Amino acid sequence: MEVNLVLKPLSDTNDPTWSIIISLVILLLGVGYIVYMILNIAYKEMDENVQEIEIQKEGQTVEAIQRECDCKES
């Protein structure tokens, strides 16, 4: 009685299992892409925060200049 195996055992046990190697490469590419996207989003948020701080500083300097002008007029 002969059994037909769907998954045949390795003929040489020193051969690498290519399905696992390919799966690991795909996994590492996916993880790398996700890390890249997270860092990209964080960079954009930091850039927006810097712009908001600069706008607030500009607004404060405009208010200070207006106060000085009001004081000189009085």
PDB file of N, CA and C in Angstrom:
ATOM      1  N   MET A   1       0.854  -1.173   0.000  1.00  0.00           N
ATOM      2  CA  MET A   1       0.000   0.000   0.000  1.00  0.00           C
ATOM      3  C   MET A   1       0.900   1.235   0.000  1.00  0.00           C
ATOM      4  N   GLU A   2       0.721   2.099  -0.997  1.00  0.00           N
ATOM      5  CA  GLU A   2       1.547   3.293  -1.169  1.00  0.00           C
ATOM      6  C   GLU A   2       0.737   4.531  -0.813  1.00  0.00           C
ATOM      7  N   VAL A   3       1.345   5.424  -0.026  1.00  0.00           N
ATOM      8  CA  VAL A   3       0.666   6.647   0.402  1.00  0.00           C
ATOM      9  C   VAL A   3       1.226   7.804  -0.416  1.00  0.00           C
ATOM     10  N   ASN A   4       0.352   8.572  -1.069  1.00  0.00           N
ATOM     11  CA  ASN A   4       0.770   9.761  -1.814  1.00  0.00           C
ATOM     12  C   ASN A   4       0.684  10.970  -0.889  1.00  0.00           C
ATOM     13  N   LEU A   5       1.831  11.541  -0.580  1.00  0.00           N
ATOM     14  CA  LEU A   5       1.878  12.694   0.310  1.00  0.00           C
ATOM     15  C   LEU A   5       1.766  13.978  -0.498  1.00  0.00           C
ATOM     16  N   VAL A   6       0.976  14.909  -0.001  1.00  0.00           N
ATOM     17  CA  VAL A   6       0.863  16.209  -0.654  1.00  0.00           C
ATOM     18  C   VAL A   6       2.134  17.003  -0.396  1.00  0.00           C
ATOM     19  N   LEU A   7       2.583  17.048   0.840  1.00  0.00           N
ATOM     20  CA  LEU A   7       3.828  17.707   1.198  1.00  0.00           C
ATOM     21  C   LEU A   7       4.901  16.634   1.355  1.00  0.00           C
ATOM     22  N   LYS A   8       5.812  16.639   0.430  1.00  0.00           N
ATOM     23  CA  LYS A   8       6.863  15.628   0.470  1.00  0.00           C
ATOM     24  C   LYS A   8       7.986  16.088   1.398  1.00  0.00           C
ATOM     25  N   PRO A   9       8.572  15.173   2.134  1.00  0.00           N
ATOM     26  CA  PRO A   9       9.701  15.561   2.988  1.00  0.00           C
ATOM     27  C   PRO A   9      10.903  15.951   2.132  1.00  0.00           C
ATOM     28  N   LEU A  10      11.801  16.723   2.726  1.00  0.00           N
ATOM     29  CA  LEU A  10      12.994  17.148   1.995  1.00  0.00           C
ATOM     30  C   LEU A  10      13.847  15.939   1.654  1.00  0.00           C
ATOM     31  N   SER A  11      14.366  15.942   0.431  1.00  0.00           N
ATOM     32  CA  SER A  11      15.254  14.851   0.050  1.00  0.00           C
ATOM     33  C   SER A  11      16.609  15.013   0.723  1.00  0.00           C
ATOM     34  N   ASP A  12      17.034  16.282   0.925  1.00  0.00           N
ATOM     35  CA  ASP A  12      18.280  16.555   1.627  1.00  0.00           C
ATOM     36  C   ASP A  12      17.959  17.520   2.768  1.00  0.00           C
ATOM     37  N   THR A  13      18.201  17.100   3.994  1.00  0.00           N
ATOM     38  CA  THR A  13      17.812  17.929   5.143  1.00  0.00           C
ATOM     39  C   THR A  13      18.665  19.184   5.279  1.00  0.00           C
ATOM     40  N   ASN A  14      19.757  19.295   4.537  1.00  0.00           N
ATOM     41  CA  ASN A  14      20.584  20.499   4.576  1.00  0.00           C
ATOM     42  C   ASN A  14      20.081  21.578   3.622  1.00  0.00           C
ATOM     43  N   ASP A  15      19.135  21.272   2.772  1.00  0.00           N
ATOM     44  CA  ASP A  15      18.564  22.268   1.865  1.00  0.00           C
ATOM     45  C   ASP A  15      17.709  23.251   2.661  1.00  0.00           C
ATOM     46  N   PRO A  16      17.744  24.530   2.282  1.00  0.00           N
ATOM     47  CA  PRO A  16      16.895  25.501   2.992  1.00  0.00           C
ATOM     48  C   PRO A  16      15.431  25.324   2.598  1.00  0.00           C
ATOM     49  N   THR A  17      14.567  25.703   3.494  1.00  0.00           N
ATOM     50  CA  THR A  17      13.140  25.659   3.201  1.00  0.00           C
ATOM     51  C   THR A  17      12.770  27.007   2.598  1.00  0.00           C
ATOM     52  N   TRP A  18      12.634  27.043   1.279  1.00  0.00           N
ATOM     53  CA  TRP A  18      12.468  28.304   0.561  1.00  0.00           C
ATOM     54  C   TRP A  18      11.142  28.993   0.876  1.00  0.00           C
ATOM     55  N   SER A  19      10.117  28.239   1.189  1.00  0.00           N
ATOM     56  CA  SER A  19       8.837  28.875   1.500  1.00  0.00           C
ATOM     57  C   SER A  19       8.950  29.735   2.765  1.00  0.00           C
ATOM     58  N   ILE A  20       9.712  29.274   3.743  1.00  0.00           N
ATOM     59  CA  ILE A  20       9.890  30.041   4.975  1.00  0.00           C
ATOM     60  C   ILE A  20      10.752  31.274   4.704  1.00  0.00           C
ATOM     61  N   ILE A  21      11.793  31.112   3.901  1.00  0.00           N
ATOM     62  CA  ILE A  21      12.657  32.248   3.578  1.00  0.00           C
ATOM     63  C   ILE A  21      11.869  33.315   2.824  1.00  0.00           C
ATOM     64  N   ILE A  22      11.071  32.912   1.860  1.00  0.00           N
ATOM     65  CA  ILE A  22      10.256  33.863   1.088  1.00  0.00           C
ATOM     66  C   ILE A  22       9.227  34.532   1.993  1.00  0.00           C
ATOM     67  N   SER A  23       8.625  33.763   2.894  1.00  0.00           N
ATOM     68  CA  SER A  23       7.644  34.338   3.835  1.00  0.00           C
ATOM     69  C   SER A  23       8.293  35.375   4.743  1.00  0.00           C
ATOM     70  N   LEU A  24       9.507  35.089   5.218  1.00  0.00           N
ATOM     71  CA  LEU A  24      10.215  36.044   6.081  1.00  0.00           C
ATOM     72  C   LEU A  24      10.572  37.316   5.319  1.00  0.00           C
ATOM     73  N   VAL A  25      10.969  37.191   4.068  1.00  0.00           N
ATOM     74  CA  VAL A  25      11.296  38.369   3.265  1.00  0.00           C
ATOM     75  C   VAL A  25      10.047  39.232   3.079  1.00  0.00           C
ATOM     76  N   ILE A  26       8.920  38.611   2.765  1.00  0.00           N
ATOM     77  CA  ILE A  26       7.667  39.359   2.595  1.00  0.00           C
ATOM     78  C   ILE A  26       7.278  40.028   3.908  1.00  0.00           C
ATOM     79  N   LEU A  27       7.419  39.318   5.017  1.00  0.00           N
ATOM     80  CA  LEU A  27       7.102  39.877   6.333  1.00  0.00           C
ATOM     81  C   LEU A  27       7.988  41.078   6.639  1.00  0.00           C
ATOM     82  N   LEU A  28       9.292  40.965   6.396  1.00  0.00           N
ATOM     83  CA  LEU A  28      10.206  42.073   6.676  1.00  0.00           C
ATOM     84  C   LEU A  28       9.917  43.273   5.781  1.00  0.00           C
ATOM     85  N   LEU A  29       9.561  43.041   4.534  1.00  0.00           N
ATOM     86  CA  LEU A  29       9.187  44.160   3.659  1.00  0.00           C
ATOM     87  C   LEU A  29       7.934  44.863   4.172  1.00  0.00           C
ATOM     88  N   GLY A  30       6.964  44.087   4.632  1.00  0.00           N
ATOM     89  CA  GLY A  30       5.743  44.673   5.183  1.00  0.00           C
ATOM     90  C   GLY A  30       6.014  45.480   6.436  1.00  0.00           C
ATOM     91  N   VAL A  31       6.829  44.949   7.327  1.00  0.00           N
ATOM     92  CA  VAL A  31       7.174  45.657   8.562  1.00  0.00           C
ATOM     93  C   VAL A  31       7.946  46.933   8.234  1.00  0.00           C
ATOM     94  N   GLY A  32       8.869  46.845   7.282  1.00  0.00           N
ATOM     95  CA  GLY A  32       9.627  48.028   6.878  1.00  0.00           C
ATOM     96  C   GLY A  32       8.728  49.112   6.324  1.00  0.00           C
ATOM     97  N   TYR A  33       7.744  48.731   5.520  1.00  0.00           N
ATOM     98  CA  TYR A  33       6.805  49.697   4.945  1.00  0.00           C
ATOM     99  C   TYR A  33       5.979  50.357   6.044  1.00  0.00           C
ATOM    100  N   ILE A  34       5.512  49.572   7.001  1.00  0.00           N
ATOM    101  CA  ILE A  34       4.696  50.126   8.088  1.00  0.00           C
ATOM    102  C   ILE A  34       5.521  51.093   8.939  1.00  0.00           C
ATOM    103  N   VAL A  35       6.773  50.732   9.249  1.00  0.00           N
ATOM    104  CA  VAL A  35       7.636  51.624  10.024  1.00  0.00           C
ATOM    105  C   VAL A  35       7.878  52.920   9.252  1.00  0.00           C
ATOM    106  N   TYR A  36       8.107  52.808   7.939  1.00  0.00           N
ATOM    107  CA  TYR A  36       8.298  53.997   7.104  1.00  0.00           C
ATOM    108  C   TYR A  36       7.068  54.897   7.147  1.00  0.00           C
ATOM    109  N   MET A  37       5.880  54.319   7.048  1.00  0.00           N
ATOM    110  CA  MET A  37       4.645  55.116   7.068  1.00  0.00           C
ATOM    111  C   MET A  37       4.466  55.796   8.428  1.00  0.00           C
ATOM    112  N   ILE A  38       4.748  55.098   9.511  1.00  0.00           N
ATOM    113  CA  ILE A  38       4.611  55.693  10.845  1.00  0.00           C
ATOM    114  C   ILE A  38       5.573  56.864  11.006  1.00  0.00           C
ATOM    115  N   LEU A  39       6.825  56.678  10.582  1.00  0.00           N
ATOM    116  CA  LEU A  39       7.797  57.760  10.691  1.00  0.00           C
ATOM    117  C   LEU A  39       7.426  58.932   9.791  1.00  0.00           C
ATOM    118  N   ASN A  40       6.878  58.649   8.616  1.00  0.00           N
ATOM    119  CA  ASN A  40       6.464  59.706   7.693  1.00  0.00           C
ATOM    120  C   ASN A  40       5.319  60.527   8.299  1.00  0.00           C
ATOM    121  N   ILE A  41       4.356  59.863   8.895  1.00  0.00           N
ATOM    122  CA  ILE A  41       3.236  60.564   9.531  1.00  0.00           C
ATOM    123  C   ILE A  41       3.740  61.400  10.714  1.00  0.00           C
ATOM    124  N   ALA A  42       4.655  60.839  11.505  1.00  0.00           N
ATOM    125  CA  ALA A  42       5.200  61.579  12.651  1.00  0.00           C
ATOM    126  C   ALA A  42       5.952  62.821  12.178  1.00  0.00           C
ATOM    127  N   TYR A  43       6.707  62.699  11.091  1.00  0.00           N
ATOM    128  CA  TYR A  43       7.440  63.853  10.567  1.00  0.00           C
ATOM    129  C   TYR A  43       6.475  64.947  10.114  1.00  0.00           C
ATOM    130  N   LYS A  44       5.385  64.553   9.446  1.00  0.00           N
ATOM    131  CA  LYS A  44       4.407  65.548   8.995  1.00  0.00           C
ATOM    132  C   LYS A  44       3.750  66.253  10.179  1.00  0.00           C
ATOM    133  N   GLU A  45       3.440  65.495  11.235  1.00  0.00           N
ATOM    134  CA  GLU A  45       2.831  66.106  12.426  1.00  0.00           C
ATOM    135  C   GLU A  45       3.800  67.070  13.099  1.00  0.00           C
ATOM    136  N   MET A  46       5.080  66.696  13.180  1.00  0.00           N
ATOM    137  CA  MET A  46       6.072  67.594  13.775  1.00  0.00           C
ATOM    138  C   MET A  46       6.199  68.866  12.949  1.00  0.00           C
ATOM    139  N   ASP A  47       6.179  68.745  11.634  1.00  0.00           N
ATOM    140  CA  ASP A  47       6.291  69.899  10.753  1.00  0.00           C
ATOM    141  C   ASP A  47       5.090  70.827  10.936  1.00  0.00           C
ATOM    142  N   GLU A  48       3.887  70.245  11.077  1.00  0.00           N
ATOM    143  CA  GLU A  48       2.686  71.061  11.307  1.00  0.00           C
ATOM    144  C   GLU A  48       2.785  71.790  12.637  1.00  0.00           C
ATOM    145  N   ASN A  49       3.299  71.113  13.681  1.00  0.00           N
ATOM    146  CA  ASN A  49       3.439  71.742  15.001  1.00  0.00           C
ATOM    147  C   ASN A  49       4.416  72.909  14.945  1.00  0.00           C
ATOM    148  N   VAL A  50       5.511  72.746  14.209  1.00  0.00           N
ATOM    149  CA  VAL A  50       6.494  73.826  14.082  1.00  0.00           C
ATOM    150  C   VAL A  50       5.857  75.020  13.379  1.00  0.00           C
ATOM    151  N   GLN A  51       5.076  74.756  12.342  1.00  0.00           N
ATOM    152  CA  GLN A  51       4.414  75.844  11.621  1.00  0.00           C
ATOM    153  C   GLN A  51       3.410  76.554  12.530  1.00  0.00           C
ATOM    154  N   GLU A  52       2.668  75.794  13.335  1.00  0.00           N
ATOM    155  CA  GLU A  52       1.699  76.414  14.250  1.00  0.00           C
ATOM    156  C   GLU A  52       2.415  77.289  15.280  1.00  0.00           C
ATOM    157  N   ILE A  53       3.544  76.818  15.798  1.00  0.00           N
ATOM    158  CA  ILE A  53       4.302  77.597  16.778  1.00  0.00           C
ATOM    159  C   ILE A  53       4.810  78.882  16.144  1.00  0.00           C
ATOM    160  N   GLU A  54       5.309  78.798  14.897  1.00  0.00           N
ATOM    161  CA  GLU A  54       5.792  80.000  14.212  1.00  0.00           C
ATOM    162  C   GLU A  54       4.657  80.986  13.982  1.00  0.00           C
ATOM    163  N   ILE A  55       3.480  80.490  13.625  1.00  0.00           N
ATOM    164  CA  ILE A  55       2.320  81.369  13.422  1.00  0.00           C
ATOM    165  C   ILE A  55       1.935  82.036  14.743  1.00  0.00           C
ATOM    166  N   GLN A  56       1.975  81.283  15.848  1.00  0.00           N
ATOM    167  CA  GLN A  56       1.648  81.859  17.148  1.00  0.00           C
ATOM    168  C   GLN A  56       2.664  82.937  17.533  1.00  0.00           C
ATOM    169  N   LYS A  57       3.947  82.689  17.262  1.00  0.00           N
ATOM    170  CA  LYS A  57       4.979  83.681  17.573  1.00  0.00           C
ATOM    171  C   LYS A  57       4.775  84.933  16.735  1.00  0.00           C
ATOM    172  N   GLU A  58       4.441  84.755  15.449  1.00  0.00           N
ATOM    173  CA  GLU A  58       4.195  85.912  14.586  1.00  0.00           C
ATOM    174  C   GLU A  58       2.995  86.695  15.090  1.00  0.00           C
ATOM    175  N   GLY A  59       1.968  85.979  15.522  1.00  0.00           N
ATOM    176  CA  GLY A  59       0.785  86.645  16.063  1.00  0.00           C
ATOM    177  C   GLY A  59       1.106  87.423  17.321  1.00  0.00           C
ATOM    178  N   GLN A  60       1.973  86.876  18.166  1.00  0.00           N
ATOM    179  CA  GLN A  60       2.360  87.560  19.404  1.00  0.00           C
ATOM    180  C   GLN A  60       3.182  88.807  19.088  1.00  0.00           C
ATOM    181  N   THR A  61       4.064  88.721  18.083  1.00  0.00           N
ATOM    182  CA  THR A  61       4.863  89.901  17.749  1.00  0.00           C
ATOM    183  C   THR A  61       3.988  90.979  17.135  1.00  0.00           C
ATOM    184  N   VAL A  62       2.993  90.589  16.354  1.00  0.00           N
ATOM    185  CA  VAL A  62       2.076  91.576  15.779  1.00  0.00           C
ATOM    186  C   VAL A  62       1.291  92.261  16.894  1.00  0.00           C
ATOM    187  N   GLU A  63       0.847  91.480  17.878  1.00  0.00           N
ATOM    188  CA  GLU A  63       0.116  92.060  19.005  1.00  0.00           C
ATOM    189  C   GLU A  63       1.013  93.003  19.805  1.00  0.00           C
ATOM    190  N   ALA A  64       2.280  92.626  19.995  1.00  0.00           N
ATOM    191  CA  ALA A  64       3.210  93.481  20.741  1.00  0.00           C
ATOM    192  C   ALA A  64       3.439  94.793  19.994  1.00  0.00           C
ATOM    193  N   ILE A  65       3.576  94.729  18.682  1.00  0.00           N
ATOM    194  CA  ILE A  65       3.765  95.948  17.881  1.00  0.00           C
ATOM    195  C   ILE A  65       2.521  96.828  17.969  1.00  0.00           C
ATOM    196  N   GLN A  66       1.345  96.235  17.918  1.00  0.00           N
ATOM    197  CA  GLN A  66       0.110  97.007  18.018  1.00  0.00           C
ATOM    198  C   GLN A  66       0.020  97.663  19.399  1.00  0.00           C
ATOM    199  N   ARG A  67       0.435  96.965  20.453  1.00  0.00           N
ATOM    200  CA  ARG A  67       0.399  97.540  21.808  1.00  0.00           C
ATOM    201  C   ARG A  67       1.345  98.741  21.894  1.00  0.00           C
ATOM    202  N   GLU A  68       2.527  98.605  21.295  1.00  0.00           N
ATOM    203  CA  GLU A  68       3.485  99.703  21.306  1.00  0.00           C
ATOM    204  C   GLU A  68       2.915 100.909  20.587  1.00  0.00           C
ATOM    205  N   CYS A  69       2.261 100.674  19.446  1.00  0.00           N
ATOM    206  CA  CYS A  69       1.680 101.786  18.701  1.00  0.00           C
ATOM    207  C   CYS A  69       0.553 102.441  19.498  1.00  0.00           C
ATOM    208  N   ASP A  70      -0.249 101.628  20.195  1.00  0.00           N
ATOM    209  CA  ASP A  70      -1.341 102.168  21.019  1.00  0.00           C
ATOM    210  C   ASP A  70      -0.781 103.016  22.153  1.00  0.00           C
ATOM    211  N   CYS A  71       0.336 102.567  22.725  1.00  0.00           N
ATOM    212  CA  CYS A  71       0.937 103.320  23.829  1.00  0.00           C
ATOM    213  C   CYS A  71       1.496 104.657  23.337  1.00  0.00           C
ATOM    214  N   LYS A  72       2.101 104.671  22.166  1.00  0.00           N
ATOM    215  CA  LYS A  72       2.675 105.905  21.628  1.00  0.00           C
ATOM    216  C   LYS A  72       1.588 106.905  21.279  1.00  0.00           C
ATOM    217  N   GLU A  73       0.443 106.419  20.802  1.00  0.00           N
ATOM    218  CA  GLU A  73      -0.654 107.306  20.419  1.00  0.00           C
ATOM    219  C   GLU A  73      -1.304 107.920  21.639  1.00  0.00           C
ATOM    220  N   SER A  74      -1.286 107.225  22.770  1.00  0.00           N
ATOM    221  CA  SER A  74      -1.976 107.729  23.987  1.00  0.00           C
ATOM    222  C   SER A  74      -1.254 108.842  24.664  1.00  0.00           C
TER     223      SER A  74
END
